[in-house]
Amino acid sequence: MKTDTLRTLCAIHATPGDEADLFDALERRWRAQRLDVRRLGRYAILAEPGERKKSDTLLLIAHADSPGFSVTATRGDDECEVIPLGGIHHAEAAELTLKASDGFHAAHLAIPPRPSAPWLRHLPLRVTLPKPCPTLRKGDRLCWAPFWEERDGLLTTPFLDDRAACALLADWYDRHVHLLAPYNVILAATAMEEITGFGANVLAHAVRADAVLALDVTYEAPEQDVLLGRGPVITLSDASCILPPALRDRLLAADVPLQTEVYNRSGTDARAFPAQGSPIPVIPLLLPTRGNHGPRETLALDDLRAWPAAISAIANTLFEPRA
């Protein structure tokens, strides 16, 4: 699978509540594919062909935001205090990018949160700027500094959560449309998955489908035998969904490599659909990653390549294929 679209999207600054630049990039890509594009305020963007088939409708969703930071106080024009937006899993000083009104500025996170600990116990976090930024203001956003490396079958970059899924959707009607040819396929990206889930709630209220695949990433978990390079991961239970064993067995009978995970914490946009009263099946289909929510997230390129076929296999399991 080509990674050019993913690399482009990973260079875009999109923290919770500030996803407009990424939505713009997706809209340009989808309009170039002659799809009908609609925005649900600042909460979601969706695309589909102008004509619908007399068939089942599958909604593929990804979230546009990645964890970042917001300025809570400034100390002159070269230092500030920040709080995380979304969970940050990183235990070392790190380089950041500040998005200010006059553009982007390099920054340095001097006191990071402790990994996997409630971050509110470790505030405020101190950020310094190597060059003064006279426009620095409370509420400005920061995210991890850009980085990209492909080596030994692995890809490492910030924001794989969830730009990997956004890139897949950005390319779907160019590169993978044949895999779901019998069905209507709606593509959507949501805002604020990492902190409130508001975007998916708005989407679930506004869009009707027969099934949903929530595309995201998850943690590599050797204790559950979830490893990089062994295929996408179906979430059997977490804080957002619980799949019945009968559905598990049907999905795992598909002739594609699939892993499974079981949690009672964390979650995805999948929670929004039953919360809005929708009875349709919602399946989280994720890629395993290492270093999730940190400045160096890593996935296996083989898993990325296997994702489209897994989506197709699951759709064919949920629906009766039609000519």
C-alpha atoms as a PDB file:
ATOM      1  CA  MET A   1       0.000   0.000   0.000  1.00  0.00           C
ATOM      2  CA  LYS A   2       1.257   3.472  -0.851  1.00  0.00           C
ATOM      3  CA  THR A   3       1.845   5.757   2.115  1.00  0.00           C
ATOM      4  CA  ASP A   4       1.859   9.093   0.309  1.00  0.00           C
ATOM      5  CA  THR A   5      -1.612  10.129   1.512  1.00  0.00           C
ATOM      6  CA  LEU A   6      -0.841   9.033   5.055  1.00  0.00           C
ATOM      7  CA  ARG A   7       2.369  11.044   5.083  1.00  0.00           C
ATOM      8  CA  THR A   8       0.496  14.130   3.897  1.00  0.00           C
ATOM      9  CA  LEU A   9      -2.176  13.781   6.578  1.00  0.00           C
ATOM     10  CA  CYS A  10       0.378  13.127   9.332  1.00  0.00           C
ATOM     11  CA  ALA A  11       1.904  16.540   8.584  1.00  0.00           C
ATOM     12  CA  ILE A  12      -1.384  18.297   9.413  1.00  0.00           C
ATOM     13  CA  HIS A  13      -1.928  19.794  12.866  1.00  0.00           C
ATOM     14  CA  ALA A  14      -5.310  18.506  14.159  1.00  0.00           C
ATOM     15  CA  THR A  15      -5.947  18.413  17.908  1.00  0.00           C
ATOM     16  CA  PRO A  16      -9.380  17.872  19.524  1.00  0.00           C
ATOM     17  CA  GLY A  17     -11.713  20.708  18.570  1.00  0.00           C
ATOM     18  CA  ASP A  18      -9.279  22.045  15.944  1.00  0.00           C
ATOM     19  CA  GLU A  19      -9.715  19.573  13.071  1.00  0.00           C
ATOM     20  CA  ALA A  20     -10.613  22.068  10.322  1.00  0.00           C
ATOM     21  CA  ASP A  21      -7.325  21.745   8.400  1.00  0.00           C
ATOM     22  CA  LEU A  22      -7.659  17.969   8.226  1.00  0.00           C
ATOM     23  CA  PHE A  23     -11.327  18.194   7.264  1.00  0.00           C
ATOM     24  CA  ASP A  24     -10.291  20.583   4.473  1.00  0.00           C
ATOM     25  CA  ALA A  25      -7.697  18.096   3.203  1.00  0.00           C
ATOM     26  CA  LEU A  26     -10.231  15.260   3.186  1.00  0.00           C
ATOM     27  CA  GLU A  27     -12.798  17.404   1.413  1.00  0.00           C
ATOM     28  CA  ARG A  28     -10.333  18.298  -1.344  1.00  0.00           C
ATOM     29  CA  ARG A  29      -9.413  14.636  -1.785  1.00  0.00           C
ATOM     30  CA  TRP A  30     -13.022  13.441  -1.877  1.00  0.00           C
ATOM     31  CA  ARG A  31     -14.202  16.180  -4.240  1.00  0.00           C
ATOM     32  CA  ALA A  32     -11.365  15.244  -6.596  1.00  0.00           C
ATOM     33  CA  GLN A  33     -12.932  11.748  -6.641  1.00  0.00           C
ATOM     34  CA  ARG A  34     -16.297  13.343  -7.550  1.00  0.00           C
ATOM     35  CA  LEU A  35     -17.945  12.350  -4.299  1.00  0.00           C
ATOM     36  CA  ASP A  36     -20.708  14.333  -2.645  1.00  0.00           C
ATOM     37  CA  VAL A  37     -19.250  15.887   0.508  1.00  0.00           C
ATOM     38  CA  ARG A  38     -21.215  17.209   3.469  1.00  0.00           C
ATOM     39  CA  ARG A  39     -20.100  18.782   6.732  1.00  0.00           C
ATOM     40  CA  LEU A  40     -21.979  18.468  10.000  1.00  0.00           C
ATOM     41  CA  GLY A  41     -20.858  21.786  11.409  1.00  0.00           C
ATOM     42  CA  ARG A  42     -17.395  21.412  12.902  1.00  0.00           C
ATOM     43  CA  TYR A  43     -18.176  17.937  14.235  1.00  0.00           C
ATOM     44  CA  ALA A  44     -17.912  15.631  11.221  1.00  0.00           C
ATOM     45  CA  ILE A  45     -17.412  15.419   7.474  1.00  0.00           C
ATOM     46  CA  LEU A  46     -18.761  12.692   5.211  1.00  0.00           C
ATOM     47  CA  ALA A  47     -18.617  11.692   1.562  1.00  0.00           C
ATOM     48  CA  GLU A  48     -20.431   9.267  -0.747  1.00  0.00           C
ATOM     49  CA  PRO A  49     -21.240   8.869  -4.452  1.00  0.00           C
ATOM     50  CA  GLY A  50     -24.156  10.883  -5.788  1.00  0.00           C
ATOM     51  CA  GLU A  51     -26.217   7.805  -6.694  1.00  0.00           C
ATOM     52  CA  ARG A  52     -27.207   5.121  -4.223  1.00  0.00           C
ATOM     53  CA  LYS A  53     -27.539   1.453  -5.034  1.00  0.00           C
ATOM     54  CA  LYS A  54     -30.494  -0.681  -3.966  1.00  0.00           C
ATOM     55  CA  SER A  55     -28.308  -2.415  -1.440  1.00  0.00           C
ATOM     56  CA  ASP A  56     -27.015  -2.302   2.111  1.00  0.00           C
ATOM     57  CA  THR A  57     -25.169   0.779   3.331  1.00  0.00           C
ATOM     58  CA  LEU A  58     -21.882   0.566   5.196  1.00  0.00           C
ATOM     59  CA  LEU A  59     -20.537   3.562   7.103  1.00  0.00           C
ATOM     60  CA  LEU A  60     -16.750   3.660   7.501  1.00  0.00           C
ATOM     61  CA  ILE A  61     -15.621   6.146  10.140  1.00  0.00           C
ATOM     62  CA  ALA A  62     -12.304   7.494  11.408  1.00  0.00           C
ATOM     63  CA  HIS A  63     -11.562  10.311  13.833  1.00  0.00           C
ATOM     64  CA  ALA A  64      -9.623  13.339  12.657  1.00  0.00           C
ATOM     65  CA  ASP A  65      -8.096  14.466  15.955  1.00  0.00           C
ATOM     66  CA  SER A  66      -4.970  13.280  17.745  1.00  0.00           C
ATOM     67  CA  PRO A  67      -4.024  14.072  21.347  1.00  0.00           C
ATOM     68  CA  GLY A  68      -2.296  17.403  21.820  1.00  0.00           C
ATOM     69  CA  PHE A  69      -1.954  20.272  24.276  1.00  0.00           C
ATOM     70  CA  SER A  70      -3.626  23.615  24.958  1.00  0.00           C
ATOM     71  CA  VAL A  71      -1.912  26.656  26.479  1.00  0.00           C
ATOM     72  CA  THR A  72      -3.307  27.580  29.912  1.00  0.00           C
ATOM     73  CA  ALA A  73      -0.888  30.402  30.785  1.00  0.00           C
ATOM     74  CA  THR A  74       1.903  32.307  29.079  1.00  0.00           C
ATOM     75  CA  ARG A  75       5.184  33.359  30.688  1.00  0.00           C
ATOM     76  CA  GLY A  76       6.379  36.030  28.304  1.00  0.00           C
ATOM     77  CA  ASP A  77       6.661  35.071  24.643  1.00  0.00           C
ATOM     78  CA  ASP A  78       8.996  32.089  24.985  1.00  0.00           C
ATOM     79  CA  GLU A  79       7.439  29.959  27.735  1.00  0.00           C
ATOM     80  CA  CYS A  80       3.989  28.662  28.596  1.00  0.00           C
ATOM     81  CA  GLU A  81       2.100  26.120  30.638  1.00  0.00           C
ATOM     82  CA  VAL A  82      -0.145  23.566  28.942  1.00  0.00           C
ATOM     83  CA  ILE A  83      -2.633  20.813  29.671  1.00  0.00           C
ATOM     84  CA  PRO A  84      -3.065  17.700  27.511  1.00  0.00           C
ATOM     85  CA  LEU A  85      -6.094  17.332  25.253  1.00  0.00           C
ATOM     86  CA  GLY A  86      -6.642  13.592  25.270  1.00  0.00           C
ATOM     87  CA  GLY A  87      -4.451  10.983  26.918  1.00  0.00           C
ATOM     88  CA  ILE A  88      -0.716  11.482  26.496  1.00  0.00           C
ATOM     89  CA  HIS A  89       1.452   8.394  26.990  1.00  0.00           C
ATOM     90  CA  HIS A  90       5.019   9.646  27.115  1.00  0.00           C
ATOM     91  CA  ALA A  91       7.595   9.859  29.877  1.00  0.00           C
ATOM     92  CA  GLU A  92      10.389  11.954  28.379  1.00  0.00           C
ATOM     93  CA  ALA A  93      10.965  15.488  27.200  1.00  0.00           C
ATOM     94  CA  ALA A  94       9.751  15.903  23.620  1.00  0.00           C
ATOM     95  CA  GLU A  95       9.693  18.305  20.714  1.00  0.00           C
ATOM     96  CA  LEU A  96       6.388  19.960  19.848  1.00  0.00           C
ATOM     97  CA  THR A  97       4.875  22.236  17.226  1.00  0.00           C
ATOM     98  CA  LEU A  98       2.917  25.284  18.389  1.00  0.00           C
ATOM     99  CA  LYS A  99       0.061  26.521  16.197  1.00  0.00           C
ATOM    100  CA  ALA A 100      -0.249  30.286  16.788  1.00  0.00           C
ATOM    101  CA  SER A 101      -2.141  32.962  14.881  1.00  0.00           C
ATOM    102  CA  ASP A 102       0.954  33.807  12.821  1.00  0.00           C
ATOM    103  CA  GLY A 103       1.849  30.219  11.912  1.00  0.00           C
ATOM    104  CA  PHE A 104       3.780  27.301  13.373  1.00  0.00           C
ATOM    105  CA  HIS A 105       6.635  27.472  15.898  1.00  0.00           C
ATOM    106  CA  ALA A 106       9.018  24.901  17.355  1.00  0.00           C
ATOM    107  CA  ALA A 107       8.509  24.173  21.049  1.00  0.00           C
ATOM    108  CA  HIS A 108       9.911  21.848  23.716  1.00  0.00           C
ATOM    109  CA  LEU A 109       7.941  19.913  26.332  1.00  0.00           C
ATOM    110  CA  ALA A 110      10.112  20.121  29.434  1.00  0.00           C
ATOM    111  CA  ILE A 111       7.948  18.335  32.024  1.00  0.00           C
ATOM    112  CA  PRO A 112       5.908  15.571  30.379  1.00  0.00           C
ATOM    113  CA  PRO A 113       3.131  13.615  32.079  1.00  0.00           C
ATOM    114  CA  ARG A 114       3.834  10.189  33.456  1.00  0.00           C
ATOM    115  CA  PRO A 115       2.834   7.303  31.217  1.00  0.00           C
ATOM    116  CA  SER A 116      -0.621   5.816  31.790  1.00  0.00           C
ATOM    117  CA  ALA A 117      -1.216   7.967  34.899  1.00  0.00           C
ATOM    118  CA  PRO A 118      -4.137  10.394  35.261  1.00  0.00           C
ATOM    119  CA  TRP A 119      -2.574  13.467  33.712  1.00  0.00           C
ATOM    120  CA  LEU A 120      -4.441  15.935  35.918  1.00  0.00           C
ATOM    121  CA  ARG A 121      -2.126  14.931  38.777  1.00  0.00           C
ATOM    122  CA  HIS A 122       0.917  16.165  36.880  1.00  0.00           C
ATOM    123  CA  LEU A 123      -0.137  19.631  35.775  1.00  0.00           C
ATOM    124  CA  PRO A 124       0.949  22.175  34.795  1.00  0.00           C
ATOM    125  CA  LEU A 125       3.341  21.044  32.088  1.00  0.00           C
ATOM    126  CA  ARG A 126       6.075  23.463  31.091  1.00  0.00           C
ATOM    127  CA  VAL A 127       6.800  24.255  27.432  1.00  0.00           C
ATOM    128  CA  THR A 128       9.620  26.466  26.188  1.00  0.00           C
ATOM    129  CA  LEU A 129      10.130  28.017  22.756  1.00  0.00           C
ATOM    130  CA  PRO A 130      13.648  28.314  21.287  1.00  0.00           C
ATOM    131  CA  LYS A 131      12.547  31.483  19.450  1.00  0.00           C
ATOM    132  CA  PRO A 132      10.137  34.047  20.948  1.00  0.00           C
ATOM    133  CA  CYS A 133       6.561  33.978  19.668  1.00  0.00           C
ATOM    134  CA  PRO A 134       4.939  37.403  20.245  1.00  0.00           C
ATOM    135  CA  THR A 135       1.523  36.009  19.234  1.00  0.00           C
ATOM    136  CA  LEU A 136       1.513  33.245  21.885  1.00  0.00           C
ATOM    137  CA  ARG A 137      -1.882  33.206  23.623  1.00  0.00           C
ATOM    138  CA  LYS A 138      -3.915  31.156  26.064  1.00  0.00           C
ATOM    139  CA  GLY A 139      -5.821  28.477  24.152  1.00  0.00           C
ATOM    140  CA  ASP A 140      -3.196  28.014  21.407  1.00  0.00           C
ATOM    141  CA  ARG A 141      -2.656  24.375  20.438  1.00  0.00           C
ATOM    142  CA  LEU A 142       0.460  22.229  20.352  1.00  0.00           C
ATOM    143  CA  CYS A 143       1.126  18.737  19.062  1.00  0.00           C
ATOM    144  CA  TRP A 144       4.093  16.425  18.575  1.00  0.00           C
ATOM    145  CA  ALA A 145       6.718  17.629  16.114  1.00  0.00           C
ATOM    146  CA  PRO A 146       6.720  15.960  12.652  1.00  0.00           C
ATOM    147  CA  PHE A 147       8.731  12.762  12.183  1.00  0.00           C
ATOM    148  CA  TRP A 148       8.575  10.028   9.508  1.00  0.00           C
ATOM    149  CA  GLU A 149      10.521   6.789   9.206  1.00  0.00           C
ATOM    150  CA  GLU A 150       9.923   3.606   7.213  1.00  0.00           C
ATOM    151  CA  ARG A 151      12.335   0.813   8.090  1.00  0.00           C
ATOM    152  CA  ASP A 152      12.306  -2.998   8.278  1.00  0.00           C
ATOM    153  CA  GLY A 153       8.605  -3.222   7.459  1.00  0.00           C
ATOM    154  CA  LEU A 154       7.616  -0.696  10.137  1.00  0.00           C
ATOM    155  CA  LEU A 155       6.328   2.863   9.868  1.00  0.00           C
ATOM    156  CA  THR A 156       6.988   5.336  12.696  1.00  0.00           C
ATOM    157  CA  THR A 157       5.408   8.793  12.871  1.00  0.00           C
ATOM    158  CA  PRO A 158       3.189  10.826  15.196  1.00  0.00           C
ATOM    159  CA  PHE A 159      -0.589  10.719  14.756  1.00  0.00           C
ATOM    160  CA  LEU A 160      -1.106   7.225  13.372  1.00  0.00           C
ATOM    161  CA  ASP A 161      -4.005   7.455  15.814  1.00  0.00           C
ATOM    162  CA  ASP A 162      -6.008   8.205  13.763  1.00  0.00           C
ATOM    163  CA  ARG A 163      -4.447   9.474  10.516  1.00  0.00           C
ATOM    164  CA  ALA A 164      -3.928   5.865   9.399  1.00  0.00           C
ATOM    165  CA  ALA A 165      -7.690   5.422   9.154  1.00  0.00           C
ATOM    166  CA  CYS A 166      -8.215   8.904   7.692  1.00  0.00           C
ATOM    167  CA  ALA A 167      -5.723   8.117   4.921  1.00  0.00           C
ATOM    168  CA  LEU A 168      -7.467   4.838   4.161  1.00  0.00           C
ATOM    169  CA  LEU A 169     -10.785   6.667   3.775  1.00  0.00           C
ATOM    170  CA  ALA A 170      -9.175   9.459   1.766  1.00  0.00           C
ATOM    171  CA  ASP A 171      -7.990   6.848  -0.756  1.00  0.00           C
ATOM    172  CA  TRP A 172     -10.958   4.472  -0.625  1.00  0.00           C
ATOM    173  CA  TYR A 173     -12.757   5.459  -3.826  1.00  0.00           C
ATOM    174  CA  ASP A 174      -9.461   5.704  -5.726  1.00  0.00           C
ATOM    175  CA  ARG A 175      -7.781   2.503  -4.586  1.00  0.00           C
ATOM    176  CA  HIS A 176     -10.207   0.128  -2.861  1.00  0.00           C
ATOM    177  CA  VAL A 177     -13.720   0.794  -4.174  1.00  0.00           C
ATOM    178  CA  HIS A 178     -13.869  -2.628  -5.876  1.00  0.00           C
ATOM    179  CA  LEU A 179     -13.682  -4.381  -2.501  1.00  0.00           C
ATOM    180  CA  LEU A 180     -17.133  -3.147  -1.470  1.00  0.00           C
ATOM    181  CA  ALA A 181     -18.690  -2.862  -4.940  1.00  0.00           C
ATOM    182  CA  PRO A 182     -22.061  -4.446  -3.989  1.00  0.00           C
ATOM    183  CA  TYR A 183     -22.771  -1.880  -1.271  1.00  0.00           C
ATOM    184  CA  ASN A 184     -23.323   1.787  -0.641  1.00  0.00           C
ATOM    185  CA  VAL A 185     -20.267   3.062   1.229  1.00  0.00           C
ATOM    186  CA  ILE A 186     -20.319   6.299   3.199  1.00  0.00           C
ATOM    187  CA  LEU A 187     -16.979   7.656   4.422  1.00  0.00           C
ATOM    188  CA  ALA A 188     -16.820   9.911   7.475  1.00  0.00           C
ATOM    189  CA  ALA A 189     -14.329  11.582   9.786  1.00  0.00           C
ATOM    190  CA  THR A 190     -15.254  12.898  13.215  1.00  0.00           C
ATOM    191  CA  ALA A 191     -13.980  15.554  15.593  1.00  0.00           C
ATOM    192  CA  MET A 192     -13.048  15.289  19.259  1.00  0.00           C
ATOM    193  CA  GLU A 193     -12.882  11.504  19.638  1.00  0.00           C
ATOM    194  CA  GLU A 194      -9.925  11.851  21.995  1.00  0.00           C
ATOM    195  CA  ILE A 195     -11.669  14.021  24.559  1.00  0.00           C
ATOM    196  CA  THR A 196     -15.487  14.128  24.286  1.00  0.00           C
ATOM    197  CA  GLY A 197     -16.763  11.993  21.433  1.00  0.00           C
ATOM    198  CA  PHE A 198     -19.031  14.842  20.312  1.00  0.00           C
ATOM    199  CA  GLY A 199     -18.255  14.371  16.621  1.00  0.00           C
ATOM    200  CA  ALA A 200     -19.357  10.748  16.489  1.00  0.00           C
ATOM    201  CA  ASN A 201     -22.532  11.583  18.434  1.00  0.00           C
ATOM    202  CA  VAL A 202     -23.477  14.191  15.834  1.00  0.00           C
ATOM    203  CA  LEU A 203     -22.629  11.794  12.999  1.00  0.00           C
ATOM    204  CA  ALA A 204     -24.643   8.927  14.497  1.00  0.00           C
ATOM    205  CA  HIS A 205     -27.661  11.201  14.867  1.00  0.00           C
ATOM    206  CA  ALA A 206     -27.450  12.499  11.279  1.00  0.00           C
ATOM    207  CA  VAL A 207     -26.517   9.444   9.183  1.00  0.00           C
ATOM    208  CA  ARG A 208     -28.392   6.208   8.667  1.00  0.00           C
ATOM    209  CA  ALA A 209     -26.612   3.015   7.677  1.00  0.00           C
ATOM    210  CA  ASP A 210     -27.035  -0.739   8.013  1.00  0.00           C
ATOM    211  CA  ALA A 211     -23.664  -1.303   9.691  1.00  0.00           C
ATOM    212  CA  VAL A 212     -20.676   0.722  10.882  1.00  0.00           C
ATOM    213  CA  LEU A 213     -16.996  -0.078  10.944  1.00  0.00           C
ATOM    214  CA  ALA A 214     -15.100   2.178  13.360  1.00  0.00           C
ATOM    215  CA  LEU A 215     -11.539   2.328  12.021  1.00  0.00           C
ATOM    216  CA  ASP A 216      -8.873   3.272  14.553  1.00  0.00           C
ATOM    217  CA  VAL A 217      -5.689   1.967  16.148  1.00  0.00           C
ATOM    218  CA  THR A 218      -5.090   0.034  19.333  1.00  0.00           C
ATOM    219  CA  TYR A 219      -2.231  -0.990  21.580  1.00  0.00           C
ATOM    220  CA  GLU A 220       0.162  -3.795  20.872  1.00  0.00           C
ATOM    221  CA  ALA A 221      -0.579  -6.212  23.734  1.00  0.00           C
ATOM    222  CA  PRO A 222       1.688  -9.281  23.987  1.00  0.00           C
ATOM    223  CA  GLU A 223      -0.300 -10.485  27.012  1.00  0.00           C
ATOM    224  CA  GLN A 224      -3.306 -10.829  24.675  1.00  0.00           C
ATOM    225  CA  ASP A 225      -1.172 -12.056  21.767  1.00  0.00           C
ATOM    226  CA  VAL A 226      -1.901  -8.844  19.846  1.00  0.00           C
ATOM    227  CA  LEU A 227       1.282  -8.103  17.921  1.00  0.00           C
ATOM    228  CA  LEU A 228       2.442  -5.949  15.038  1.00  0.00           C
ATOM    229  CA  GLY A 229       2.370  -7.745  11.708  1.00  0.00           C
ATOM    230  CA  ARG A 230      -0.385 -10.247  12.477  1.00  0.00           C
ATOM    231  CA  GLY A 231      -3.281  -8.361  10.942  1.00  0.00           C
ATOM    232  CA  PRO A 232      -5.985  -5.903  11.995  1.00  0.00           C
ATOM    233  CA  VAL A 233      -7.678  -6.248  15.382  1.00  0.00           C
ATOM    234  CA  ILE A 234     -11.374  -6.696  16.172  1.00  0.00           C
ATOM    235  CA  THR A 235     -12.361  -5.291  19.563  1.00  0.00           C
ATOM    236  CA  LEU A 236     -14.576  -7.862  21.273  1.00  0.00           C
ATOM    237  CA  SER A 237     -15.228  -5.593  24.254  1.00  0.00           C
ATOM    238  CA  ASP A 238     -14.014  -2.284  25.621  1.00  0.00           C
ATOM    239  CA  ALA A 239     -15.551   0.869  27.085  1.00  0.00           C
ATOM    240  CA  SER A 240     -17.439   1.528  23.845  1.00  0.00           C
ATOM    241  CA  CYS A 241     -18.761  -1.827  22.641  1.00  0.00           C
ATOM    242  CA  ILE A 242     -19.329  -5.493  23.446  1.00  0.00           C
ATOM    243  CA  LEU A 243     -19.686  -8.022  20.620  1.00  0.00           C
ATOM    244  CA  PRO A 244     -21.627 -11.240  21.267  1.00  0.00           C
ATOM    245  CA  PRO A 245     -19.641 -14.477  20.912  1.00  0.00           C
ATOM    246  CA  ALA A 246     -21.799 -15.596  17.962  1.00  0.00           C
ATOM    247  CA  LEU A 247     -20.840 -12.471  16.005  1.00  0.00           C
ATOM    248  CA  ARG A 248     -17.204 -12.967  17.016  1.00  0.00           C
ATOM    249  CA  ASP A 249     -17.244 -16.452  15.566  1.00  0.00           C
ATOM    250  CA  ARG A 250     -18.796 -15.280  12.283  1.00  0.00           C
ATOM    251  CA  LEU A 251     -16.242 -12.509  11.870  1.00  0.00           C
ATOM    252  CA  LEU A 252     -13.270 -14.725  12.664  1.00  0.00           C
ATOM    253  CA  ALA A 253     -14.450 -17.253  10.083  1.00  0.00           C
ATOM    254  CA  ALA A 254     -13.576 -14.723   7.369  1.00  0.00           C
ATOM    255  CA  ASP A 255     -10.598 -15.801   5.291  1.00  0.00           C
ATOM    256  CA  VAL A 256      -8.318 -12.915   6.357  1.00  0.00           C
ATOM    257  CA  PRO A 257      -5.826 -12.530   9.220  1.00  0.00           C
ATOM    258  CA  LEU A 258      -7.575 -10.982  12.218  1.00  0.00           C
ATOM    259  CA  GLN A 259      -6.558 -10.538  15.835  1.00  0.00           C
ATOM    260  CA  THR A 260      -8.875  -9.869  18.793  1.00  0.00           C
ATOM    261  CA  GLU A 261      -8.674  -7.805  21.964  1.00  0.00           C
ATOM    262  CA  VAL A 262     -10.720  -7.557  25.157  1.00  0.00           C
ATOM    263  CA  TYR A 263     -10.642  -4.485  27.427  1.00  0.00           C
ATOM    264  CA  ASN A 264     -12.936  -2.799  29.921  1.00  0.00           C
ATOM    265  CA  ARG A 265     -11.221   0.561  29.410  1.00  0.00           C
ATOM    266  CA  SER A 266     -10.510   2.913  26.526  1.00  0.00           C
ATOM    267  CA  GLY A 267     -12.766   2.906  23.476  1.00  0.00           C
ATOM    268  CA  THR A 268     -13.560   4.301  20.041  1.00  0.00           C
ATOM    269  CA  ASP A 269     -16.277   6.245  18.248  1.00  0.00           C
ATOM    270  CA  ALA A 270     -18.265   2.986  18.220  1.00  0.00           C
ATOM    271  CA  ARG A 271     -19.993   4.048  21.451  1.00  0.00           C
ATOM    272  CA  ALA A 272     -21.900   6.860  19.720  1.00  0.00           C
ATOM    273  CA  PHE A 273     -24.260   4.680  17.686  1.00  0.00           C
ATOM    274  CA  PRO A 274     -26.032   2.706  20.423  1.00  0.00           C
ATOM    275  CA  ALA A 275     -25.951   5.886  22.530  1.00  0.00           C
ATOM    276  CA  GLN A 276     -28.018   7.572  19.791  1.00  0.00           C
ATOM    277  CA  GLY A 277     -30.484   4.677  19.783  1.00  0.00           C
ATOM    278  CA  SER A 278     -29.165   2.911  16.693  1.00  0.00           C
ATOM    279  CA  PRO A 279     -29.591  -0.899  16.742  1.00  0.00           C
ATOM    280  CA  ILE A 280     -27.195  -1.603  13.840  1.00  0.00           C
ATOM    281  CA  PRO A 281     -23.966  -3.602  14.265  1.00  0.00           C
ATOM    282  CA  VAL A 282     -20.909  -1.464  15.017  1.00  0.00           C
ATOM    283  CA  ILE A 283     -17.556  -3.219  14.681  1.00  0.00           C
ATOM    284  CA  PRO A 284     -14.280  -1.604  15.773  1.00  0.00           C
ATOM    285  CA  LEU A 285     -11.583  -2.756  13.337  1.00  0.00           C
ATOM    286  CA  LEU A 286      -8.216  -1.437  14.456  1.00  0.00           C
ATOM    287  CA  LEU A 287      -4.524  -1.586  13.627  1.00  0.00           C
ATOM    288  CA  PRO A 288      -2.081  -2.570  16.387  1.00  0.00           C
ATOM    289  CA  THR A 289       0.472   0.130  17.160  1.00  0.00           C
ATOM    290  CA  ARG A 290       3.382   0.665  19.495  1.00  0.00           C
ATOM    291  CA  GLY A 291       3.878   3.971  21.333  1.00  0.00           C
ATOM    292  CA  ASN A 292       0.249   5.010  20.970  1.00  0.00           C
ATOM    293  CA  HIS A 293      -0.438   8.696  21.817  1.00  0.00           C
ATOM    294  CA  GLY A 294       3.290   9.449  21.881  1.00  0.00           C
ATOM    295  CA  PRO A 295       5.622  11.254  19.470  1.00  0.00           C
ATOM    296  CA  ARG A 296       6.758   7.989  17.815  1.00  0.00           C
ATOM    297  CA  GLU A 297       3.813   5.735  17.027  1.00  0.00           C
ATOM    298  CA  THR A 298       4.727   2.582  15.078  1.00  0.00           C
ATOM    299  CA  LEU A 299       2.733   0.157  12.953  1.00  0.00           C
ATOM    300  CA  ALA A 300       3.572  -2.732  10.642  1.00  0.00           C
ATOM    301  CA  LEU A 301       3.155  -1.957   6.959  1.00  0.00           C
ATOM    302  CA  ASP A 302       1.786  -5.482   6.432  1.00  0.00           C
ATOM    303  CA  ASP A 303      -1.113  -4.664   8.775  1.00  0.00           C
ATOM    304  CA  LEU A 304      -1.785  -1.448   6.871  1.00  0.00           C
ATOM    305  CA  ARG A 305      -1.883  -3.398   3.602  1.00  0.00           C
ATOM    306  CA  ALA A 306      -4.224  -6.019   5.101  1.00  0.00           C
ATOM    307  CA  TRP A 307      -6.774  -3.494   6.350  1.00  0.00           C
ATOM    308  CA  PRO A 308      -8.866  -3.041   3.150  1.00  0.00           C
ATOM    309  CA  ALA A 309      -9.322  -6.793   2.662  1.00  0.00           C
ATOM    310  CA  ALA A 310     -10.359  -7.165   6.304  1.00  0.00           C
ATOM    311  CA  ILE A 311     -12.971  -4.425   5.859  1.00  0.00           C
ATOM    312  CA  SER A 312     -14.330  -6.231   2.810  1.00  0.00           C
ATOM    313  CA  ALA A 313     -14.436  -9.591   4.567  1.00  0.00           C
ATOM    314  CA  ILE A 314     -16.317  -8.170   7.543  1.00  0.00           C
ATOM    315  CA  ALA A 315     -18.825  -6.358   5.310  1.00  0.00           C
ATOM    316  CA  ASN A 316     -19.466  -9.562   3.366  1.00  0.00           C
ATOM    317  CA  THR A 317     -20.038 -11.331   6.677  1.00  0.00           C
ATOM    318  CA  LEU A 318     -22.527  -8.725   7.887  1.00  0.00           C
ATOM    319  CA  PHE A 319     -24.397  -8.383   4.559  1.00  0.00           C
ATOM    320  CA  GLU A 320     -25.622 -10.774   1.913  1.00  0.00           C
ATOM    321  CA  PRO A 321     -23.623  -9.868  -1.239  1.00  0.00           C
ATOM    322  CA  ARG A 322     -25.745  -8.683  -4.114  1.00  0.00           C
ATOM    323  CA  ALA A 323     -24.907  -8.347  -7.794  1.00  0.00           C
END
